[in-house]
Amino acid sequence: MTCRIAAVFLIIFGAQSIAPMGLALDYPPDATGGWGFDFAGANFAKKPGDDFFGYANGGWYDSAVIPADRSSIGPSILLRMTAEVRIREILEQAREGRPLLE
């Protein structure tokens, strides 16, 4: 019973501290350091109640290009692909006997 009362108090006080924060639209990306919802990837022509995935990700989904040899794409995969290219260049330079630092 004591745990339930404590949980109710935490919910009440937590909700009061979150409510004054406002909507995400009130904080432009510059004010928040660029993190949060990516409005450029959204498709506001869709209604969120009808197709939330299309609303939130539609712009990105329609324009994203996933390489044929990959099953997905994202920042970590792009970083891995860049590292693979750089490692290949280093190994080819070493095989040819060229100095690694030019």
PDB file of N, CA and C in Angstrom:
ATOM      1  N   MET A   1       0.824  -1.196   0.000  1.00  0.00           N
ATOM      2  CA  MET A   1       0.000   0.000   0.000  1.00  0.00           C
ATOM      3  C   MET A   1       0.869   1.261   0.000  1.00  0.00           C
ATOM      4  N   THR A   2       1.949   1.225   0.765  1.00  0.00           N
ATOM      5  CA  THR A   2       2.842   2.374   0.838  1.00  0.00           C
ATOM      6  C   THR A   2       3.489   2.639  -0.518  1.00  0.00           C
ATOM      7  N   CYS A   3       3.835   1.582  -1.240  1.00  0.00           N
ATOM      8  CA  CYS A   3       4.444   1.742  -2.563  1.00  0.00           C
ATOM      9  C   CYS A   3       3.461   2.381  -3.540  1.00  0.00           C
ATOM     10  N   ARG A   4       2.201   2.024  -3.443  1.00  0.00           N
ATOM     11  CA  ARG A   4       1.196   2.611  -4.343  1.00  0.00           C
ATOM     12  C   ARG A   4       1.032   4.102  -4.072  1.00  0.00           C
ATOM     13  N   ILE A   5       1.018   4.469  -2.814  1.00  0.00           N
ATOM     14  CA  ILE A   5       0.888   5.893  -2.466  1.00  0.00           C
ATOM     15  C   ILE A   5       2.102   6.657  -2.972  1.00  0.00           C
ATOM     16  N   ALA A   6       3.286   6.093  -2.785  1.00  0.00           N
ATOM     17  CA  ALA A   6       4.504   6.747  -3.263  1.00  0.00           C
ATOM     18  C   ALA A   6       4.478   6.878  -4.778  1.00  0.00           C
ATOM     19  N   ALA A   7       3.998   5.855  -5.480  1.00  0.00           N
ATOM     20  CA  ALA A   7       3.922   5.900  -6.938  1.00  0.00           C
ATOM     21  C   ALA A   7       2.970   6.993  -7.399  1.00  0.00           C
ATOM     22  N   VAL A   8       1.843   7.145  -6.723  1.00  0.00           N
ATOM     23  CA  VAL A   8       0.874   8.190  -7.079  1.00  0.00           C
ATOM     24  C   VAL A   8       1.503   9.570  -6.903  1.00  0.00           C
ATOM     25  N   PHE A   9       2.213   9.769  -5.802  1.00  0.00           N
ATOM     26  CA  PHE A   9       2.876  11.062  -5.579  1.00  0.00           C
ATOM     27  C   PHE A   9       3.931  11.332  -6.649  1.00  0.00           C
ATOM     28  N   LEU A  10       4.702  10.328  -7.028  1.00  0.00           N
ATOM     29  CA  LEU A  10       5.718  10.511  -8.064  1.00  0.00           C
ATOM     30  C   LEU A  10       5.085  10.874  -9.402  1.00  0.00           C
ATOM     31  N   ILE A  11       3.983  10.234  -9.716  1.00  0.00           N
ATOM     32  CA  ILE A  11       3.298  10.535 -10.979  1.00  0.00           C
ATOM     33  C   ILE A  11       2.757  11.957 -10.975  1.00  0.00           C
ATOM     34  N   ILE A  12       2.154  12.357  -9.867  1.00  0.00           N
ATOM     35  CA  ILE A  12       1.580  13.710  -9.774  1.00  0.00           C
ATOM     36  C   ILE A  12       2.667  14.766  -9.882  1.00  0.00           C
ATOM     37  N   PHE A  13       3.727  14.626  -9.097  1.00  0.00           N
ATOM     38  CA  PHE A  13       4.787  15.630  -9.110  1.00  0.00           C
ATOM     39  C   PHE A  13       5.592  15.587 -10.409  1.00  0.00           C
ATOM     40  N   GLY A  14       5.754  14.398 -10.983  1.00  0.00           N
ATOM     41  CA  GLY A  14       6.450  14.290 -12.263  1.00  0.00           C
ATOM     42  C   GLY A  14       5.679  14.957 -13.382  1.00  0.00           C
ATOM     43  N   ALA A  15       4.368  14.780 -13.392  1.00  0.00           N
ATOM     44  CA  ALA A  15       3.529  15.399 -14.428  1.00  0.00           C
ATOM     45  C   ALA A  15       3.549  16.914 -14.300  1.00  0.00           C
ATOM     46  N   GLN A  16       3.597  17.419 -13.073  1.00  0.00           N
ATOM     47  CA  GLN A  16       3.627  18.866 -12.891  1.00  0.00           C
ATOM     48  C   GLN A  16       4.935  19.468 -13.372  1.00  0.00           C
ATOM     49  N   SER A  17       6.029  18.728 -13.257  1.00  0.00           N
ATOM     50  CA  SER A  17       7.309  19.280 -13.703  1.00  0.00           C
ATOM     51  C   SER A  17       7.470  19.159 -15.213  1.00  0.00           C
ATOM     52  N   ILE A  18       6.786  18.209 -15.842  1.00  0.00           N
ATOM     53  CA  ILE A  18       6.893  18.036 -17.293  1.00  0.00           C
ATOM     54  C   ILE A  18       5.971  19.007 -18.033  1.00  0.00           C
ATOM     55  N   ALA A  19       4.799  19.280 -17.512  1.00  0.00           N
ATOM     56  CA  ALA A  19       3.799  20.097 -18.200  1.00  0.00           C
ATOM     57  C   ALA A  19       4.311  21.472 -18.617  1.00  0.00           C
ATOM     58  N   PRO A  20       5.074  22.217 -17.781  1.00  0.00           N
ATOM     59  CA  PRO A  20       5.516  23.544 -18.210  1.00  0.00           C
ATOM     60  C   PRO A  20       6.521  23.545 -19.349  1.00  0.00           C
ATOM     61  N   MET A  21       7.044  22.391 -19.722  1.00  0.00           N
ATOM     62  CA  MET A  21       8.053  22.348 -20.774  1.00  0.00           C
ATOM     63  C   MET A  21       7.510  22.773 -22.122  1.00  0.00           C
ATOM     64  N   GLY A  22       6.256  22.565 -22.392  1.00  0.00           N
ATOM     65  CA  GLY A  22       5.669  22.972 -23.660  1.00  0.00           C
ATOM     66  C   GLY A  22       5.831  21.914 -24.729  1.00  0.00           C
ATOM     67  N   LEU A  23       5.409  22.248 -25.930  1.00  0.00           N
ATOM     68  CA  LEU A  23       5.475  21.332 -27.061  1.00  0.00           C
ATOM     69  C   LEU A  23       6.846  21.393 -27.727  1.00  0.00           C
ATOM     70  N   ALA A  24       7.180  20.358 -28.463  1.00  0.00           N
ATOM     71  CA  ALA A  24       8.457  20.326 -29.182  1.00  0.00           C
ATOM     72  C   ALA A  24       8.535  21.456 -30.201  1.00  0.00           C
ATOM     73  N   LEU A  25       7.397  21.865 -30.747  1.00  0.00           N
ATOM     74  CA  LEU A  25       7.383  22.942 -31.737  1.00  0.00           C
ATOM     75  C   LEU A  25       7.800  24.280 -31.135  1.00  0.00           C
ATOM     76  N   ASP A  26       7.691  24.402 -29.799  1.00  0.00           N
ATOM     77  CA  ASP A  26       8.068  25.645 -29.141  1.00  0.00           C
ATOM     78  C   ASP A  26       9.575  25.831 -29.068  1.00  0.00           C
ATOM     79  N   TYR A  27      10.328  24.767 -29.322  1.00  0.00           N
ATOM     80  CA  TYR A  27      11.778  24.814 -29.192  1.00  0.00           C
ATOM     81  C   TYR A  27      12.417  24.504 -30.543  1.00  0.00           C
ATOM     82  N   PRO A  28      12.904  25.506 -31.259  1.00  0.00           N
ATOM     83  CA  PRO A  28      13.549  25.245 -32.549  1.00  0.00           C
ATOM     84  C   PRO A  28      14.834  24.444 -32.351  1.00  0.00           C
ATOM     85  N   PRO A  29      15.312  23.724 -33.381  1.00  0.00           N
ATOM     86  CA  PRO A  29      16.510  22.896 -33.253  1.00  0.00           C
ATOM     87  C   PRO A  29      17.725  23.649 -32.720  1.00  0.00           C
ATOM     88  N   ASP A  30      17.876  24.934 -33.083  1.00  0.00           N
ATOM     89  CA  ASP A  30      19.021  25.697 -32.585  1.00  0.00           C
ATOM     90  C   ASP A  30      18.976  25.834 -31.070  1.00  0.00           C
ATOM     91  N   ALA A  31      17.785  25.966 -30.504  1.00  0.00           N
ATOM     92  CA  ALA A  31      17.654  26.153 -29.067  1.00  0.00           C
ATOM     93  C   ALA A  31      17.898  24.867 -28.294  1.00  0.00           C
ATOM     94  N   THR A  32      17.713  23.733 -28.938  1.00  0.00           N
ATOM     95  CA  THR A  32      17.865  22.452 -28.238  1.00  0.00           C
ATOM     96  C   THR A  32      19.138  21.728 -28.632  1.00  0.00           C
ATOM     97  N   GLY A  33      20.015  22.349 -29.389  1.00  0.00           N
ATOM     98  CA  GLY A  33      21.249  21.694 -29.771  1.00  0.00           C
ATOM     99  C   GLY A  33      21.087  20.740 -30.935  1.00  0.00           C
ATOM    100  N   GLY A  34      19.957  20.778 -31.630  1.00  0.00           N
ATOM    101  CA  GLY A  34      19.762  19.958 -32.805  1.00  0.00           C
ATOM    102  C   GLY A  34      19.200  18.574 -32.533  1.00  0.00           C
ATOM    103  N   TRP A  35      18.942  18.213 -31.302  1.00  0.00           N
ATOM    104  CA  TRP A  35      18.400  16.883 -31.014  1.00  0.00           C
ATOM    105  C   TRP A  35      16.884  16.950 -31.011  1.00  0.00           C
ATOM    106  N   GLY A  36      16.242  15.823 -31.039  1.00  0.00           N
ATOM    107  CA  GLY A  36      14.787  15.782 -30.963  1.00  0.00           C
ATOM    108  C   GLY A  36      14.175  15.298 -32.265  1.00  0.00           C
ATOM    109  N   PHE A  37      12.968  15.677 -32.502  1.00  0.00           N
ATOM    110  CA  PHE A  37      12.206  15.241 -33.672  1.00  0.00           C
ATOM    111  C   PHE A  37      12.739  15.928 -34.919  1.00  0.00           C
ATOM    112  N   ASP A  38      12.981  15.158 -35.953  1.00  0.00           N
ATOM    113  CA  ASP A  38      13.498  15.678 -37.218  1.00  0.00           C
ATOM    114  C   ASP A  38      12.321  16.102 -38.089  1.00  0.00           C
ATOM    115  N   PHE A  39      12.020  17.388 -38.086  1.00  0.00           N
ATOM    116  CA  PHE A  39      10.890  17.892 -38.846  1.00  0.00           C
ATOM    117  C   PHE A  39      11.124  17.785 -40.353  1.00  0.00           C
ATOM    118  N   ALA A  40      12.386  17.759 -40.779  1.00  0.00           N
ATOM    119  CA  ALA A  40      12.679  17.646 -42.206  1.00  0.00           C
ATOM    120  C   ALA A  40      12.288  16.267 -42.742  1.00  0.00           C
ATOM    121  N   GLY A  41      12.281  15.258 -41.887  1.00  0.00           N
ATOM    122  CA  GLY A  41      11.928  13.915 -42.322  1.00  0.00           C
ATOM    123  C   GLY A  41      10.450  13.607 -42.224  1.00  0.00           C
ATOM    124  N   ALA A  42       9.680  14.553 -41.745  1.00  0.00           N
ATOM    125  CA  ALA A  42       8.242  14.329 -41.556  1.00  0.00           C
ATOM    126  C   ALA A  42       7.466  14.629 -42.837  1.00  0.00           C
ATOM    127  N   ASN A  43       6.270  14.109 -42.886  1.00  0.00           N
ATOM    128  CA  ASN A  43       5.362  14.387 -43.996  1.00  0.00           C
ATOM    129  C   ASN A  43       4.072  14.904 -43.367  1.00  0.00           C
ATOM    130  N   PHE A  44       3.953  16.220 -43.269  1.00  0.00           N
ATOM    131  CA  PHE A  44       2.814  16.817 -42.595  1.00  0.00           C
ATOM    132  C   PHE A  44       1.532  16.774 -43.420  1.00  0.00           C
ATOM    133  N   ALA A  45       1.616  16.265 -44.645  1.00  0.00           N
ATOM    134  CA  ALA A  45       0.410  16.091 -45.447  1.00  0.00           C
ATOM    135  C   ALA A  45      -0.420  14.917 -44.923  1.00  0.00           C
ATOM    136  N   LYS A  46       0.230  13.986 -44.245  1.00  0.00           N
ATOM    137  CA  LYS A  46      -0.478  12.843 -43.650  1.00  0.00           C
ATOM    138  C   LYS A  46      -1.061  13.260 -42.311  1.00  0.00           C
ATOM    139  N   LYS A  47      -2.143  12.610 -41.927  1.00  0.00           N
ATOM    140  CA  LYS A  47      -2.744  12.857 -40.621  1.00  0.00           C
ATOM    141  C   LYS A  47      -2.151  11.869 -39.624  1.00  0.00           C
ATOM    142  N   PRO A  48      -1.662  12.351 -38.475  1.00  0.00           N
ATOM    143  CA  PRO A  48      -1.035  11.431 -37.529  1.00  0.00           C
ATOM    144  C   PRO A  48      -1.979  10.348 -37.022  1.00  0.00           C
ATOM    145  N   GLY A  49      -3.263  10.622 -36.973  1.00  0.00           N
ATOM    146  CA  GLY A  49      -4.217   9.622 -36.519  1.00  0.00           C
ATOM    147  C   GLY A  49      -4.476   8.534 -37.545  1.00  0.00           C
ATOM    148  N   ASP A  50      -4.266   8.840 -38.820  1.00  0.00           N
ATOM    149  CA  ASP A  50      -4.497   7.858 -39.886  1.00  0.00           C
ATOM    150  C   ASP A  50      -3.253   7.005 -40.152  1.00  0.00           C
ATOM    151  N   ASP A  51      -2.088   7.653 -40.207  1.00  0.00           N
ATOM    152  CA  ASP A  51      -0.841   6.952 -40.530  1.00  0.00           C
ATOM    153  C   ASP A  51       0.304   7.666 -39.821  1.00  0.00           C
ATOM    154  N   PHE A  52       0.562   7.274 -38.565  1.00  0.00           N
ATOM    155  CA  PHE A  52       1.580   7.986 -37.790  1.00  0.00           C
ATOM    156  C   PHE A  52       2.973   7.762 -38.358  1.00  0.00           C
ATOM    157  N   PHE A  53       3.271   6.559 -38.835  1.00  0.00           N
ATOM    158  CA  PHE A  53       4.588   6.317 -39.438  1.00  0.00           C
ATOM    159  C   PHE A  53       4.797   7.237 -40.634  1.00  0.00           C
ATOM    160  N   GLY A  54       3.797   7.347 -41.503  1.00  0.00           N
ATOM    161  CA  GLY A  54       3.898   8.232 -42.651  1.00  0.00           C
ATOM    162  C   GLY A  54       4.013   9.688 -42.254  1.00  0.00           C
ATOM    163  N   TYR A  55       3.329  10.074 -41.193  1.00  0.00           N
ATOM    164  CA  TYR A  55       3.383  11.446 -40.693  1.00  0.00           C
ATOM    165  C   TYR A  55       4.777  11.764 -40.152  1.00  0.00           C
ATOM    166  N   ALA A  56       5.313  10.874 -39.317  1.00  0.00           N
ATOM    167  CA  ALA A  56       6.578  11.147 -38.647  1.00  0.00           C
ATOM    168  C   ALA A  56       7.791  10.882 -39.540  1.00  0.00           C
ATOM    169  N   ASN A  57       7.720   9.895 -40.433  1.00  0.00           N
ATOM    170  CA  ASN A  57       8.883   9.477 -41.209  1.00  0.00           C
ATOM    171  C   ASN A  57       8.687   9.538 -42.711  1.00  0.00           C
ATOM    172  N   GLY A  58       7.550  10.000 -43.167  1.00  0.00           N
ATOM    173  CA  GLY A  58       7.214   9.936 -44.589  1.00  0.00           C
ATOM    174  C   GLY A  58       8.182  10.640 -45.503  1.00  0.00           C
ATOM    175  N   GLY A  59       8.628  11.816 -45.141  1.00  0.00           N
ATOM    176  CA  GLY A  59       9.575  12.547 -45.982  1.00  0.00           C
ATOM    177  C   GLY A  59      10.890  11.814 -46.133  1.00  0.00           C
ATOM    178  N   TRP A  60      11.398  11.281 -45.028  1.00  0.00           N
ATOM    179  CA  TRP A  60      12.640  10.512 -45.078  1.00  0.00           C
ATOM    180  C   TRP A  60      12.431   9.212 -45.842  1.00  0.00           C
ATOM    181  N   TYR A  61      11.349   8.521 -45.559  1.00  0.00           N
ATOM    182  CA  TYR A  61      11.082   7.219 -46.168  1.00  0.00           C
ATOM    183  C   TYR A  61      10.974   7.324 -47.687  1.00  0.00           C
ATOM    184  N   ASP A  62      10.387   8.408 -48.181  1.00  0.00           N
ATOM    185  CA  ASP A  62      10.229   8.582 -49.624  1.00  0.00           C
ATOM    186  C   ASP A  62      11.537   8.944 -50.320  1.00  0.00           C
ATOM    187  N   SER A  63      12.476   9.568 -49.597  1.00  0.00           N
ATOM    188  CA  SER A  63      13.704  10.035 -50.240  1.00  0.00           C
ATOM    189  C   SER A  63      14.947   9.240 -49.860  1.00  0.00           C
ATOM    190  N   ALA A  64      14.890   8.389 -48.860  1.00  0.00           N
ATOM    191  CA  ALA A  64      16.070   7.635 -48.417  1.00  0.00           C
ATOM    192  C   ALA A  64      16.460   6.585 -49.447  1.00  0.00           C
ATOM    193  N   VAL A  65      17.743   6.417 -49.620  1.00  0.00           N
ATOM    194  CA  VAL A  65      18.266   5.405 -50.532  1.00  0.00           C
ATOM    195  C   VAL A  65      19.054   4.398 -49.705  1.00  0.00           C
ATOM    196  N   ILE A  66      18.601   3.158 -49.698  1.00  0.00           N
ATOM    197  CA  ILE A  66      19.295   2.094 -48.982  1.00  0.00           C
ATOM    198  C   ILE A  66      20.113   1.323 -50.010  1.00  0.00           C
ATOM    199  N   PRO A  67      21.430   1.220 -49.804  1.00  0.00           N
ATOM    200  CA  PRO A  67      22.262   0.500 -50.774  1.00  0.00           C
ATOM    201  C   PRO A  67      21.778  -0.936 -50.967  1.00  0.00           C
ATOM    202  N   ALA A  68      21.967  -1.453 -52.176  1.00  0.00           N
ATOM    203  CA  ALA A  68      21.476  -2.792 -52.511  1.00  0.00           C
ATOM    204  C   ALA A  68      22.125  -3.880 -51.662  1.00  0.00           C
ATOM    205  N   ASP A  69      23.355  -3.637 -51.192  1.00  0.00           N
ATOM    206  CA  ASP A  69      24.040  -4.660 -50.398  1.00  0.00           C
ATOM    207  C   ASP A  69      23.782  -4.514 -48.893  1.00  0.00           C
ATOM    208  N   ARG A  70      22.867  -3.634 -48.509  1.00  0.00           N
ATOM    209  CA  ARG A  70      22.552  -3.408 -47.100  1.00  0.00           C
ATOM    210  C   ARG A  70      21.066  -3.643 -46.869  1.00  0.00           C
ATOM    211  N   SER A  71      20.726  -4.017 -45.638  1.00  0.00           N
ATOM    212  CA  SER A  71      19.316  -4.216 -45.311  1.00  0.00           C
ATOM    213  C   SER A  71      18.708  -2.980 -44.657  1.00  0.00           C
ATOM    214  N   SER A  72      19.561  -2.046 -44.222  1.00  0.00           N
ATOM    215  CA  SER A  72      19.091  -0.809 -43.609  1.00  0.00           C
ATOM    216  C   SER A  72      20.171   0.249 -43.768  1.00  0.00           C
ATOM    217  N   ILE A  73      19.848   1.462 -43.344  1.00  0.00           N
ATOM    218  CA  ILE A  73      20.805   2.563 -43.430  1.00  0.00           C
ATOM    219  C   ILE A  73      20.600   3.454 -42.217  1.00  0.00           C
ATOM    220  N   GLY A  74      21.661   4.065 -41.758  1.00  0.00           N
ATOM    221  CA  GLY A  74      21.604   4.958 -40.606  1.00  0.00           C
ATOM    222  C   GLY A  74      22.991   5.494 -40.319  1.00  0.00           C
ATOM    223  N   PRO A  75      23.119   6.338 -39.309  1.00  0.00           N
ATOM    224  CA  PRO A  75      24.420   6.951 -39.009  1.00  0.00           C
ATOM    225  C   PRO A  75      25.522   5.928 -38.728  1.00  0.00           C
ATOM    226  N   SER A  76      25.224   4.886 -37.980  1.00  0.00           N
ATOM    227  CA  SER A  76      26.265   3.914 -37.661  1.00  0.00           C
ATOM    228  C   SER A  76      26.686   3.132 -38.901  1.00  0.00           C
ATOM    229  N   ILE A  77      25.758   2.836 -39.784  1.00  0.00           N
ATOM    230  CA  ILE A  77      26.094   2.118 -41.005  1.00  0.00           C
ATOM    231  C   ILE A  77      26.899   3.013 -41.947  1.00  0.00           C
ATOM    232  N   LEU A  78      26.526   4.296 -42.033  1.00  0.00           N
ATOM    233  CA  LEU A  78      27.295   5.219 -42.864  1.00  0.00           C
ATOM    234  C   LEU A  78      28.718   5.368 -42.333  1.00  0.00           C
ATOM    235  N   LEU A  79      28.869   5.405 -41.023  1.00  0.00           N
ATOM    236  CA  LEU A  79      30.197   5.477 -40.417  1.00  0.00           C
ATOM    237  C   LEU A  79      30.993   4.210 -40.722  1.00  0.00           C
ATOM    238  N   ARG A  80      30.354   3.057 -40.630  1.00  0.00           N
ATOM    239  CA  ARG A  80      31.018   1.793 -40.941  1.00  0.00           C
ATOM    240  C   ARG A  80      31.439   1.750 -42.410  1.00  0.00           C
ATOM    241  N   MET A  81      30.581   2.218 -43.312  1.00  0.00           N
ATOM    242  CA  MET A  81      30.910   2.219 -44.733  1.00  0.00           C
ATOM    243  C   MET A  81      32.103   3.135 -45.010  1.00  0.00           C
ATOM    244  N   THR A  82      32.146   4.298 -44.364  1.00  0.00           N
ATOM    245  CA  THR A  82      33.273   5.218 -44.523  1.00  0.00           C
ATOM    246  C   THR A  82      34.557   4.587 -44.010  1.00  0.00           C
ATOM    247  N   ALA A  83      34.476   3.921 -42.854  1.00  0.00           N
ATOM    248  CA  ALA A  83      35.651   3.251 -42.294  1.00  0.00           C
ATOM    249  C   ALA A  83      36.142   2.143 -43.220  1.00  0.00           C
ATOM    250  N   GLU A  84      35.227   1.383 -43.829  1.00  0.00           N
ATOM    251  CA  GLU A  84      35.620   0.318 -44.751  1.00  0.00           C
ATOM    252  C   GLU A  84      36.392   0.876 -45.942  1.00  0.00           C
ATOM    253  N   VAL A  85      35.929   2.004 -46.481  1.00  0.00           N
ATOM    254  CA  VAL A  85      36.607   2.620 -47.626  1.00  0.00           C
ATOM    255  C   VAL A  85      38.000   3.087 -47.214  1.00  0.00           C
ATOM    256  N   ARG A  86      38.114   3.719 -46.063  1.00  0.00           N
ATOM    257  CA  ARG A  86      39.413   4.223 -45.611  1.00  0.00           C
ATOM    258  C   ARG A  86      40.377   3.083 -45.315  1.00  0.00           C
ATOM    259  N   ILE A  87      39.893   2.027 -44.693  1.00  0.00           N
ATOM    260  CA  ILE A  87      40.754   0.876 -44.401  1.00  0.00           C
ATOM    261  C   ILE A  87      41.224   0.228 -45.697  1.00  0.00           C
ATOM    262  N   ARG A  88      40.320   0.111 -46.674  1.00  0.00           N
ATOM    263  CA  ARG A  88      40.700  -0.461 -47.973  1.00  0.00           C
ATOM    264  C   ARG A  88      41.797   0.377 -48.621  1.00  0.00           C
ATOM    265  N   GLU A  89      41.683   1.712 -48.573  1.00  0.00           N
ATOM    266  CA  GLU A  89      42.711   2.590 -49.150  1.00  0.00           C
ATOM    267  C   GLU A  89      44.046   2.396 -48.444  1.00  0.00           C
ATOM    268  N   ILE A  90      44.029   2.290 -47.125  1.00  0.00           N
ATOM    269  CA  ILE A  90      45.262   2.091 -46.359  1.00  0.00           C
ATOM    270  C   ILE A  90      45.908   0.761 -46.732  1.00  0.00           C
ATOM    271  N   LEU A  91      45.123  -0.293 -46.827  1.00  0.00           N
ATOM    272  CA  LEU A  91      45.669  -1.610 -47.172  1.00  0.00           C
ATOM    273  C   LEU A  91      46.222  -1.635 -48.598  1.00  0.00           C
ATOM    274  N   GLU A  92      45.541  -0.964 -49.533  1.00  0.00           N
ATOM    275  CA  GLU A  92      46.036  -0.916 -50.911  1.00  0.00           C
ATOM    276  C   GLU A  92      47.344  -0.138 -50.996  1.00  0.00           C
ATOM    277  N   GLN A  93      47.456   0.961 -50.247  1.00  0.00           N
ATOM    278  CA  GLN A  93      48.707   1.715 -50.223  1.00  0.00           C
ATOM    279  C   GLN A  93      49.831   0.868 -49.642  1.00  0.00           C
ATOM    280  N   ALA A  94      49.541   0.112 -48.591  1.00  0.00           N
ATOM    281  CA  ALA A  94      50.563  -0.738 -47.968  1.00  0.00           C
ATOM    282  C   ALA A  94      50.978  -1.853 -48.928  1.00  0.00           C
ATOM    283  N   ARG A  95      50.036  -2.425 -49.677  1.00  0.00           N
ATOM    284  CA  ARG A  95      50.342  -3.492 -50.615  1.00  0.00           C
ATOM    285  C   ARG A  95      51.229  -2.982 -51.751  1.00  0.00           C
ATOM    286  N   GLU A  96      50.995  -1.754 -52.198  1.00  0.00           N
ATOM    287  CA  GLU A  96      51.767  -1.173 -53.285  1.00  0.00           C
ATOM    288  C   GLU A  96      53.112  -0.640 -52.815  1.00  0.00           C
ATOM    289  N   GLY A  97      53.319  -0.613 -51.506  1.00  0.00           N
ATOM    290  CA  GLY A  97      54.589  -0.135 -50.976  1.00  0.00           C
ATOM    291  C   GLY A  97      54.667   1.371 -50.862  1.00  0.00           C
ATOM    292  N   ARG A  98      53.564   2.056 -51.080  1.00  0.00           N
ATOM    293  CA  ARG A  98      53.552   3.513 -50.934  1.00  0.00           C
ATOM    294  C   ARG A  98      53.513   3.873 -49.467  1.00  0.00           C
ATOM    295  N   PRO A  99      54.075   5.022 -49.088  1.00  0.00           N
ATOM    296  CA  PRO A  99      53.978   5.429 -47.686  1.00  0.00           C
ATOM    297  C   PRO A  99      52.516   5.712 -47.315  1.00  0.00           C
ATOM    298  N   LEU A 100      52.172   5.364 -46.088  1.00  0.00           N
ATOM    299  CA  LEU A 100      50.782   5.528 -45.671  1.00  0.00           C
ATOM    300  C   LEU A 100      50.411   6.986 -45.474  1.00  0.00           C
ATOM    301  N   LEU A 101      51.359   7.810 -45.121  1.00  0.00           N
ATOM    302  CA  LEU A 101      51.084   9.248 -44.930  1.00  0.00           C
ATOM    303  C   LEU A 101      51.641  10.022 -46.107  1.00  0.00           C
ATOM    304  N   GLU A 102      50.745  10.559 -46.891  1.00  0.00           N
ATOM    305  CA  GLU A 102      51.178  11.353 -48.053  1.00  0.00           C
ATOM    306  C   GLU A 102      50.777  12.780 -47.877  1.00  0.00           C
TER     307      GLU A 102
END
